[in-house]
Protein backbone atom coordinates (compact mmCIF):
# COMPACT_ATOMS: atom_id res chain seq x y z
CA MET A 1 -22.38 27.02 -31.12
CA THR A 2 -20.77 25.14 -34.47
CA ASP A 3 -19.34 21.82 -34.98
CA CYS A 4 -18.21 20.86 -38.23
CA ARG A 5 -17.70 17.10 -39.51
CA THR A 6 -16.33 15.10 -42.19
CA THR A 7 -18.67 12.81 -43.75
CA ALA A 8 -17.70 9.68 -45.28
CA ASN A 9 -17.49 10.89 -48.67
CA GLY A 10 -14.99 13.59 -47.77
CA SER A 11 -16.94 16.78 -47.59
CA MET A 12 -17.53 19.11 -44.37
CA ARG A 13 -20.91 19.31 -42.58
CA HIS A 14 -22.05 21.65 -40.45
CA LEU A 15 -23.95 21.51 -37.53
CA ALA A 16 -25.41 23.90 -34.80
CA VAL A 17 -25.00 22.10 -31.04
CA VAL A 18 -27.07 23.31 -28.85
CA ALA A 19 -26.85 22.77 -25.15
CA VAL A 20 -29.51 21.63 -23.42
CA LEU A 21 -29.56 20.90 -19.33
CA GLU A 22 -31.55 17.67 -18.78
CA PRO A 23 -34.43 18.24 -16.16
CA GLY A 24 -33.19 16.69 -12.75
CA SER A 25 -29.98 15.73 -14.00
CA ARG A 26 -26.19 17.70 -13.67
CA HIS A 27 -25.70 16.68 -17.17
CA ILE A 28 -25.66 18.65 -20.17
CA ARG A 29 -27.68 17.15 -23.48
CA ALA A 30 -25.75 17.92 -26.75
CA LEU A 31 -28.70 18.38 -29.67
CA GLU A 32 -27.14 17.88 -33.02
CA MET A 33 -29.25 20.63 -35.17
CA PRO A 34 -29.08 21.40 -39.01
CA HIS A 35 -26.64 24.15 -39.45
CA PRO A 36 -28.58 26.79 -42.24
CA HIS A 37 -25.72 25.83 -44.75
CA GLY A 38 -25.37 22.05 -43.94
CA HIS A 39 -27.36 18.95 -43.30
CA ALA A 40 -29.81 18.00 -40.46
CA SER A 41 -28.83 15.15 -37.67
CA GLY A 42 -31.48 13.79 -35.25
CA THR A 43 -28.59 12.36 -32.44
CA GLY A 44 -27.16 13.64 -29.78
CA ARG A 45 -24.33 13.26 -26.72
CA SER A 46 -24.50 14.25 -23.25
CA TYR A 47 -22.03 15.79 -21.93
CA ALA A 48 -20.42 16.62 -18.31
CA ALA A 49 -22.59 19.80 -16.36
CA LEU A 50 -21.26 22.29 -17.74
CA ASP A 51 -24.00 25.02 -16.24
CA SER A 52 -22.31 28.05 -14.55
CA GLY A 53 -25.43 28.17 -12.58
CA GLY A 54 -26.77 25.51 -10.80
CA ALA A 55 -24.02 22.98 -10.40
CA ALA A 56 -20.80 24.84 -10.37
CA MET A 57 -22.62 27.26 -7.81
CA THR A 58 -23.47 23.99 -5.82
CA ASP A 59 -20.18 23.17 -5.64
CA LEU A 60 -18.65 26.19 -4.63
CA ALA A 61 -20.92 26.38 -2.27
CA LEU A 62 -19.92 22.84 -0.75
CA THR A 63 -16.44 23.69 -1.18
CA ARG A 64 -17.09 26.67 1.09
CA LYS A 65 -18.36 24.25 3.25
CA PHE A 66 -15.21 22.49 3.84
CA VAL A 67 -12.75 25.13 3.65
CA GLU A 68 -14.84 26.07 7.16
CA VAL A 69 -15.32 22.79 8.69
CA THR A 70 -11.37 22.59 7.91
CA HIS A 71 -10.77 25.85 9.89
CA ARG A 72 -13.58 24.93 12.22
CA LEU A 73 -11.61 21.91 13.08
CA SER A 74 -8.18 23.35 13.33
CA GLU A 75 -9.44 26.36 16.34
CA PRO A 76 -8.38 25.29 19.68
CA GLY A 77 -11.18 24.44 21.95
CA ASP A 78 -12.17 21.00 23.44
CA LEU A 79 -13.12 18.15 21.22
CA THR A 80 -16.89 18.26 21.93
CA THR A 81 -17.11 22.08 20.82
CA ARG A 82 -15.46 20.82 17.39
CA LEU A 83 -17.05 17.83 17.10
CA ASN A 84 -20.61 19.77 17.40
CA ASP A 85 -18.97 22.46 14.71
CA ALA A 86 -18.42 19.55 12.42
CA VAL A 87 -22.02 17.83 12.69
CA ALA A 88 -23.72 21.09 12.35
CA LEU A 89 -22.04 21.93 9.50
CA ALA A 90 -22.75 18.51 7.80
CA ALA A 91 -26.19 18.84 8.78
CA ASP A 92 -26.29 22.25 6.94
CA ALA A 93 -24.57 20.78 3.57
CA VAL A 94 -25.70 17.52 3.31
CA PRO A 95 -28.80 18.01 0.96
CA GLY A 96 -31.75 16.45 2.24
CA CYS A 97 -30.63 16.23 5.94
CA ASP A 98 -32.42 17.73 8.68
CA TYR A 99 -30.44 16.87 11.86
CA ALA A 100 -27.23 14.77 12.39
CA GLY A 101 -24.99 13.97 15.28
CA VAL A 102 -21.67 11.56 15.96
CA THR A 103 -21.70 8.25 17.60
CA VAL A 104 -18.50 7.46 19.16
CA ILE A 105 -17.62 3.49 20.82
CA ARG A 106 -16.34 4.18 24.30
CA ARG A 107 -14.40 1.11 26.40
CA GLY A 108 -16.32 -1.74 26.13
CA ARG A 109 -18.16 -1.18 22.96
CA GLU A 110 -20.35 1.22 24.68
CA LEU A 111 -21.98 3.70 22.22
CA ARG A 112 -22.84 7.21 23.02
CA THR A 113 -23.72 10.38 21.26
CA PRO A 114 -21.00 13.58 21.81
CA ALA A 115 -22.06 15.76 19.27
CA TYR A 116 -25.23 16.15 17.56
CA SER A 117 -27.47 18.99 16.00
CA ASP A 118 -30.59 19.14 17.18
CA ALA A 119 -32.29 17.40 20.20
CA SER A 120 -33.83 14.81 18.00
CA THR A 121 -30.50 12.85 17.10
CA LEU A 122 -30.27 11.87 20.96
CA LEU A 123 -33.38 10.22 20.24
CA ALA A 124 -33.01 8.70 17.43
CA ASP A 125 -29.15 7.58 18.47
CA GLY A 126 -30.49 6.69 22.13
CA ALA A 127 -33.68 4.26 20.33
CA GLN A 128 -31.15 2.41 18.68
CA TYR A 129 -29.07 2.07 21.48
CA GLU A 130 -31.63 1.05 23.59
CA LEU A 131 -32.68 -1.71 21.49
CA ASP A 132 -29.38 -2.89 20.10
CA GLU A 133 -30.34 -2.43 16.83
CA GLY A 134 -30.32 0.14 13.65
CA PRO A 135 -28.03 1.25 10.77
CA CYS A 136 -25.48 3.29 13.42
CA VAL A 137 -25.55 0.51 15.42
CA ASP A 138 -24.21 -1.88 12.92
CA THR A 139 -22.23 0.48 11.03
CA ALA A 140 -20.36 1.76 14.33
CA ARG A 141 -19.76 -1.93 15.11
CA SER A 142 -18.97 -3.50 11.87
CA HIS A 143 -16.80 -2.90 8.47
CA SER A 144 -19.29 -1.53 6.12
CA PRO A 145 -18.34 1.67 5.46
CA TRP A 146 -22.21 3.08 5.20
CA LEU A 147 -25.78 1.89 5.70
CA GLN A 148 -28.93 3.32 4.50
CA ILE A 149 -32.53 3.52 5.32
CA ASP A 150 -34.07 4.87 2.15
CA ASP A 151 -38.15 4.71 3.59
CA ILE A 152 -38.15 3.64 7.58
CA GLY A 153 -41.51 2.59 7.05
CA ARG A 154 -40.40 0.04 4.05
CA ASP A 155 -37.28 -0.97 5.42
CA GLY A 156 -37.61 -4.46 7.24
CA ARG A 157 -33.83 -5.13 8.25
CA TRP A 158 -34.49 -3.63 11.72
CA PRO A 159 -38.52 -3.05 12.58
CA SER A 160 -37.83 -2.46 16.38
CA PHE A 161 -36.35 1.14 15.47
CA ALA A 162 -37.88 1.24 12.23
CA GLU A 163 -41.42 1.25 14.92
CA LYS A 164 -39.55 4.03 17.09
CA ALA A 165 -38.26 5.90 14.49
CA GLU A 166 -41.52 6.36 12.92
CA ALA A 167 -43.21 7.81 16.22
CA LEU A 168 -39.82 10.45 16.02
CA GLY A 169 -41.01 11.34 12.31
CA VAL A 170 -37.83 9.77 10.75
CA ARG A 171 -38.00 8.34 7.25
CA SER A 172 -34.31 8.41 5.99
CA VAL A 173 -31.57 7.67 7.78
CA LEU A 174 -27.80 7.44 6.65
CA SER A 175 -25.21 6.30 8.63
CA CYS A 176 -21.37 6.51 7.74
CA GLN A 177 -18.53 5.06 9.63
CA LEU A 178 -15.88 7.01 11.04
CA SER A 179 -12.76 4.93 11.06
CA SER A 180 -8.87 5.68 11.57
CA PRO A 181 -5.56 3.37 11.04
CA ARG A 182 -6.07 2.04 14.76
CA GLY A 183 -10.04 0.80 14.12
CA THR A 184 -13.40 2.14 13.96
CA LEU A 185 -14.40 4.88 15.97
CA GLY A 186 -18.05 5.58 15.84
CA ALA A 187 -20.67 6.79 12.83
CA LEU A 188 -21.55 9.99 11.98
CA ASN A 189 -25.91 9.79 11.78
CA LEU A 190 -27.74 12.05 9.12
CA TYR A 191 -31.38 11.69 9.66
CA SER A 192 -34.31 13.39 7.61
CA GLU A 193 -38.06 13.68 7.97
CA SER A 194 -38.70 12.61 4.29
CA PRO A 195 -38.43 9.45 2.22
CA GLY A 196 -35.48 8.93 0.01
CA ALA A 197 -33.37 12.16 1.11
CA PHE A 198 -30.21 10.37 0.69
CA GLY A 199 -28.76 9.75 -2.79
CA PRO A 200 -25.62 8.94 -4.29
CA TYR A 201 -24.59 12.56 -4.74
CA GLU A 202 -26.02 13.17 -0.53
CA ARG A 203 -23.68 9.91 0.37
CA GLU A 204 -20.51 10.94 -1.23
CA VAL A 205 -21.11 14.55 0.59
CA ALA A 206 -21.67 12.93 3.65
CA LEU A 207 -18.47 10.33 2.99
CA LEU A 208 -16.49 13.81 2.72
CA PHE A 209 -17.33 15.02 6.19
CA THR A 210 -16.86 11.54 8.00
CA ALA A 211 -13.33 11.64 6.81
CA GLN A 212 -12.75 15.38 8.11
CA ALA A 213 -15.28 13.80 11.38
CA GLY A 214 -12.63 10.69 11.67
CA MET A 215 -9.51 12.49 11.86
CA LEU A 216 -10.49 15.02 14.05
CA LEU A 217 -12.05 12.24 16.59
CA ALA A 218 -8.50 10.07 15.98
CA ALA A 219 -6.00 13.11 16.97
CA GLY A 220 -8.94 14.60 19.52
CA ARG A 221 -8.31 10.81 21.30
CA MET A 222 -4.59 10.76 20.62
CA GLU A 223 -4.34 14.32 21.95
CA GLU A 224 -6.03 13.14 24.95
CA SER A 225 -4.17 9.96 25.44
CA LEU A 226 -0.69 11.91 25.34
CA ARG A 227 -2.43 14.16 28.04
CA ALA A 228 -2.91 11.84 30.02
CA ALA A 229 0.35 10.00 29.70
CA ILE A 230 2.24 13.35 30.42
CA ASP A 231 0.00 14.34 33.57
CA ALA A 232 0.39 10.13 35.09
CA ARG A 233 4.76 10.40 34.38
CA GLU A 234 4.76 14.00 35.98
CA HIS A 235 2.10 12.83 39.10
CA ILE A 236 4.39 9.69 39.43
CA GLY A 237 7.97 11.82 39.48
CA ILE A 238 6.34 14.19 41.85
CA ALA A 239 5.14 11.09 44.38
CA MET A 240 8.86 9.62 43.78
CA GLY A 241 10.61 12.90 44.79
CA ILE A 242 8.54 12.85 48.29
CA LEU A 243 9.28 9.22 48.65
CA MET A 244 12.89 9.45 47.79
CA GLU A 245 13.36 12.80 50.57
CA ARG A 246 11.46 11.10 53.25
CA HIS A 247 13.33 7.87 52.99
CA LYS A 248 16.44 8.25 51.43
CA VAL A 249 16.45 6.23 48.72
CA SER A 250 16.99 6.48 44.91
CA ALA A 251 14.99 6.83 42.46
CA THR A 252 14.58 3.15 41.38
CA GLN A 253 13.62 2.32 45.19
CA ALA A 254 11.31 5.02 45.47
CA PHE A 255 9.24 3.48 41.81
CA GLU A 256 9.38 0.14 43.01
CA MET A 257 7.80 1.11 46.53
CA LEU A 258 4.72 2.59 44.38
CA SER A 259 5.19 -0.66 42.01
CA LYS A 260 4.62 -3.16 44.80
CA VAL A 261 1.70 -1.60 46.38
CA SER A 262 0.09 -1.17 42.75
CA GLN A 263 0.15 -4.67 42.75
CA ASP A 264 -0.64 -5.48 46.22
CA THR A 265 -3.75 -3.54 45.66
CA ASN A 266 -4.91 -3.72 42.34
CA THR A 267 -4.49 -0.12 41.99
CA LYS A 268 -2.99 1.83 39.36
CA VAL A 269 0.58 3.77 40.18
CA ARG A 270 -0.84 7.15 38.77
CA ASP A 271 -3.46 6.68 41.32
CA LEU A 272 -1.34 5.84 44.18
CA ALA A 273 1.25 8.62 43.14
CA SER A 274 -1.53 10.62 43.30
CA HIS A 275 -2.75 9.97 46.66
CA VAL A 276 0.95 10.61 48.28
CA ILE A 277 0.81 14.16 46.63
CA GLU A 278 -2.58 15.33 47.78
CA THR A 279 -2.73 13.46 51.61
CA GLY A 280 1.44 13.23 51.78
CA GLU A 281 0.36 9.66 53.33
CA GLU A 282 2.44 6.36 52.15
CA PRO A 283 1.19 4.81 49.87
CA ALA A 284 0.91 1.25 51.66
CA GLU A 285 -1.34 3.39 54.08
CA ARG A 286 -4.13 4.46 51.35
């Protein structure tokens, strides 16, 4: 293409601008070449990637992956199945990733892996849980949005995990925190059998998938809590009805009967209600 410049003396200067894609980069180098009827120039400028082949196609493929994961996560099904879909897509979409998994924090700060793309993930995650050290453990239990190991053989932060990871063939690790407005939920863990597998671009892609998985996990847990609350309420209501009919008492009195036994025996009202429904026995007879 041709570029026209005004020189210091006011004359027009014509330049032929040649766009050259820099090797190993997503930037284009604009080289200003002398126009046949102009003057020479040895300067150059860098532009954002405009190559319609490589970067544009990569971005298009990535966009399609995010559309796919959004559809998968919105489909009906249990939480573990949808998390497995999200993890499989993340492992496929993040360049350099060989396998991936999700670490979740359970009650008592226990860590476990409910979703994974390969059995190797369970071994790598399990080693960190057993040793209580590693990027996924620290990411899940800290405020760090991500932690990374570029070369397991040269990173000295988690020596015990590094020894086990090398035996498993792991060379690079990227753990991204799964969070929600209510707090940290766990981590998305990406593993590679090559050193230096995760650069800034790969990390940004992983963080986007982490945001998706975090929203899914938070929504799933809320759904589970609501279902549990509804089920408990229904069970308590049925048990109260049985006690009201049997003892000719009011709803308030029936609930007080359940509450008193709950306090005396240190048993949840929901469990007492289920016992009354299933056996027909008085709650005090348990």
